[in-house]
């Protein structure tokens, strides 16, 4: 029952997330909401994690060398890994975290309050459509961000040696 409710909510809210108004407001409002929820939940909850699997990605800055963190939706890849997409609300530029992962592919994630080491690899062109199909099965219409941005969104697969994988299981 809960799974059907989440699926129904995703289908209802997905079109809203592709509106110009959402894309203008969300990049400013969501980080504030994320910080607040992380503070009150002790880092166990992420705003987007209410509807989709979400993680906090901990990287090293590609240029600065400083620690960085970003809240992201992820999609389980069916093999114990996760797919993350650098959509950045369909903005023209790639988000900084994608450059960070390209420069430093060994990173860490926090999933459901637990920290795990991961290794990131760019998803090759031949596998992009399959990756997008998995993502859109989770969040309908998500690839529209790529189309609207005018750029090829960077897709990464995150893998871990953790057993069991943090990317499997329920929301």
Protein backbone atom coordinates (compact mmCIF):
# COMPACT_ATOMS: atom_id res chain seq x y z
CA UNK A 1 0.00 0.00 0.00
CA UNK A 2 2.75 2.47 0.96
CA UNK A 3 4.64 1.66 -2.25
CA UNK A 4 1.54 2.45 -4.35
CA UNK A 5 1.07 5.72 -2.48
CA UNK A 6 4.69 6.76 -3.15
CA UNK A 7 4.30 5.82 -6.84
CA UNK A 8 1.10 7.86 -7.10
CA UNK A 9 2.76 10.86 -5.40
CA UNK A 10 5.73 10.65 -7.78
CA UNK A 11 3.44 10.66 -10.81
CA UNK A 12 1.54 13.64 -9.39
CA UNK A 13 4.60 15.68 -8.40
CA UNK A 14 6.97 14.84 -11.27
CA UNK A 15 5.34 17.29 -13.74
CA UNK A 16 5.51 20.07 -11.13
CA UNK A 17 9.27 19.60 -10.80
CA UNK A 18 9.70 20.32 -14.50
CA UNK A 19 7.97 23.73 -14.41
CA UNK A 20 9.93 26.97 -14.80
CA UNK A 21 8.72 28.15 -11.40
CA UNK A 22 10.00 25.03 -9.63
CA UNK A 23 13.33 25.22 -11.49
CA UNK A 24 13.74 28.85 -10.43
CA UNK A 25 12.80 28.36 -6.76
CA UNK A 26 14.11 24.85 -5.97
CA UNK A 27 17.86 25.50 -6.35
CA UNK A 28 17.59 28.16 -3.63
CA UNK A 29 14.88 26.69 -1.38
CA UNK A 30 15.80 22.99 -1.36
CA UNK A 31 19.31 23.39 0.11
CA UNK A 32 17.85 25.41 3.00
CA UNK A 33 15.18 22.76 3.58
CA UNK A 34 17.79 19.99 3.29
CA UNK A 35 20.02 21.58 5.93
CA UNK A 36 17.07 22.07 8.29
CA UNK A 37 15.81 18.50 7.92
CA UNK A 38 19.34 17.10 8.28
CA UNK A 39 19.79 19.08 11.50
CA UNK A 40 16.51 17.98 13.08
CA UNK A 41 16.85 14.34 11.94
CA UNK A 42 20.50 13.94 12.85
CA UNK A 43 21.37 13.48 9.17
CA UNK A 44 19.01 10.54 8.66
CA UNK A 45 16.49 12.30 6.41
CA UNK A 46 16.75 14.21 3.16
CA UNK A 47 13.85 16.26 1.75
CA UNK A 48 13.93 14.44 -1.59
CA UNK A 49 14.29 11.16 0.30
CA UNK A 50 10.64 11.41 1.27
CA UNK A 51 9.69 10.37 -2.28
CA UNK A 52 12.80 8.93 -3.92
CA UNK A 53 15.95 7.16 -2.79
CA UNK A 54 18.38 9.89 -1.83
CA UNK A 55 21.93 10.23 -0.58
CA UNK A 56 24.44 12.81 0.54
CA UNK A 57 27.49 12.67 -1.70
CA UNK A 58 30.81 13.61 -0.09
CA UNK A 59 33.46 14.54 -2.65
CA UNK A 60 36.71 16.47 -2.87
CA UNK A 61 36.50 19.68 -4.89
CA UNK A 62 38.04 19.29 -8.35
CA UNK A 63 39.64 22.75 -8.20
CA UNK A 64 39.73 23.60 -4.50
CA UNK A 65 40.68 20.22 -3.04
CA UNK A 66 38.24 20.99 -0.23
CA UNK A 67 35.54 18.60 1.04
CA UNK A 68 32.13 19.12 -0.58
CA UNK A 69 28.72 17.58 0.04
CA UNK A 70 25.62 17.44 -2.12
CA UNK A 71 22.17 15.94 -1.61
CA UNK A 72 21.11 13.85 -4.62
CA UNK A 73 18.40 11.53 -5.80
CA UNK A 74 19.76 8.16 -6.85
CA UNK A 75 18.33 5.23 -8.76
CA UNK A 76 19.31 1.67 -7.85
CA UNK A 77 20.93 0.08 -10.91
CA UNK A 78 19.70 -3.44 -10.15
CA UNK A 79 23.26 -4.67 -9.58
CA UNK A 80 23.90 -3.25 -6.11
CA UNK A 81 25.05 0.15 -7.40
CA UNK A 82 23.37 3.50 -7.87
CA UNK A 83 22.93 5.90 -10.77
CA UNK A 84 23.16 9.65 -10.16
CA UNK A 85 22.39 12.26 -12.81
CA UNK A 86 23.89 15.76 -12.99
CA UNK A 87 20.66 17.43 -14.10
CA UNK A 88 21.02 20.58 -11.96
CA UNK A 89 17.38 21.55 -12.53
CA UNK A 90 18.05 21.80 -16.31
CA UNK A 91 20.54 24.64 -15.92
CA UNK A 92 23.05 25.30 -18.72
CA UNK A 93 26.13 24.29 -16.73
CA UNK A 94 27.03 20.93 -15.25
CA UNK A 95 26.82 20.85 -11.45
CA UNK A 96 30.16 21.08 -9.65
CA UNK A 97 29.76 17.69 -8.00
CA UNK A 98 30.07 16.01 -11.43
CA UNK A 99 33.48 17.61 -11.99
CA UNK A 100 34.44 16.59 -8.45
CA UNK A 101 33.57 12.94 -9.16
CA UNK A 102 35.38 13.02 -12.50
CA UNK A 103 38.53 14.34 -10.78
CA UNK A 104 38.20 12.23 -7.63
CA UNK A 105 36.07 9.13 -8.34
CA UNK A 106 36.59 7.65 -4.89
CA UNK A 107 34.04 9.34 -2.65
CA UNK A 108 31.64 8.64 0.19
CA UNK A 109 27.87 8.68 0.49
CA UNK A 110 25.47 8.78 3.38
CA UNK A 111 22.39 6.65 2.76
CA UNK A 112 19.73 6.35 5.46
CA UNK A 113 22.13 7.82 8.02
CA UNK A 114 25.04 5.45 7.27
CA UNK A 115 28.28 6.45 5.57
CA UNK A 116 29.77 4.25 2.82
CA UNK A 117 32.77 4.47 0.49
CA UNK A 118 31.91 4.45 -3.20
CA UNK A 119 33.67 4.51 -6.53
CA UNK A 120 32.15 6.53 -9.38
CA UNK A 121 32.36 5.81 -13.09
CA UNK A 122 30.79 7.78 -15.93
CA UNK A 123 28.11 5.75 -17.64
CA UNK A 124 29.25 5.17 -21.24
CA UNK A 125 27.19 6.41 -24.19
CA UNK A 126 26.10 2.88 -25.09
CA UNK A 127 24.46 2.46 -21.65
CA UNK A 128 22.86 5.92 -21.28
CA UNK A 129 19.41 5.03 -22.63
CA UNK A 130 19.16 2.02 -20.31
CA UNK A 131 20.25 4.16 -17.35
CA UNK A 132 17.69 6.85 -18.21
CA UNK A 133 14.98 4.17 -18.48
CA UNK A 134 15.74 3.07 -14.91
CA UNK A 135 15.73 6.67 -13.68
CA UNK A 136 12.45 7.49 -15.41
CA UNK A 137 10.81 4.32 -14.05
CA UNK A 138 11.49 5.87 -10.64
CA UNK A 139 10.75 9.53 -11.46
CA UNK A 140 8.63 9.94 -14.62
CA UNK A 141 9.88 12.48 -17.14
CA UNK A 142 13.21 13.12 -15.39
CA UNK A 143 15.15 13.03 -18.66
CA UNK A 144 13.30 16.18 -19.72
CA UNK A 145 15.84 18.04 -17.60
CA UNK A 146 18.53 16.89 -20.01
CA UNK A 147 16.50 17.89 -23.05
CA UNK A 148 15.69 21.31 -21.61
CA UNK A 149 19.27 22.01 -20.50
CA UNK A 150 20.70 21.72 -24.02
CA UNK A 151 23.59 19.61 -22.73
CA UNK A 152 24.34 15.94 -22.27
CA UNK A 153 23.80 15.33 -18.58
CA UNK A 154 26.65 13.50 -16.88
CA UNK A 155 25.49 10.15 -15.52
CA UNK A 156 27.56 8.23 -12.97
CA UNK A 157 27.30 4.75 -11.53
CA UNK A 158 28.31 4.53 -7.88
CA UNK A 159 29.53 1.16 -6.64
CA UNK A 160 30.51 -0.01 -3.20
CA UNK A 161 31.99 -3.10 -1.60
CA UNK A 162 29.55 -2.83 1.31
CA UNK A 163 27.42 -5.87 1.96
CA UNK A 164 24.55 -5.51 1.82
CA UNK A 165 24.62 -2.64 -0.63
CA UNK A 166 23.20 0.62 0.75
CA UNK A 167 21.47 1.15 -2.62
CA UNK A 168 19.04 -1.73 -2.29
CA UNK A 169 16.00 -2.03 -0.12
CA UNK A 170 13.06 0.24 0.58
CA UNK A 171 12.90 3.99 0.79
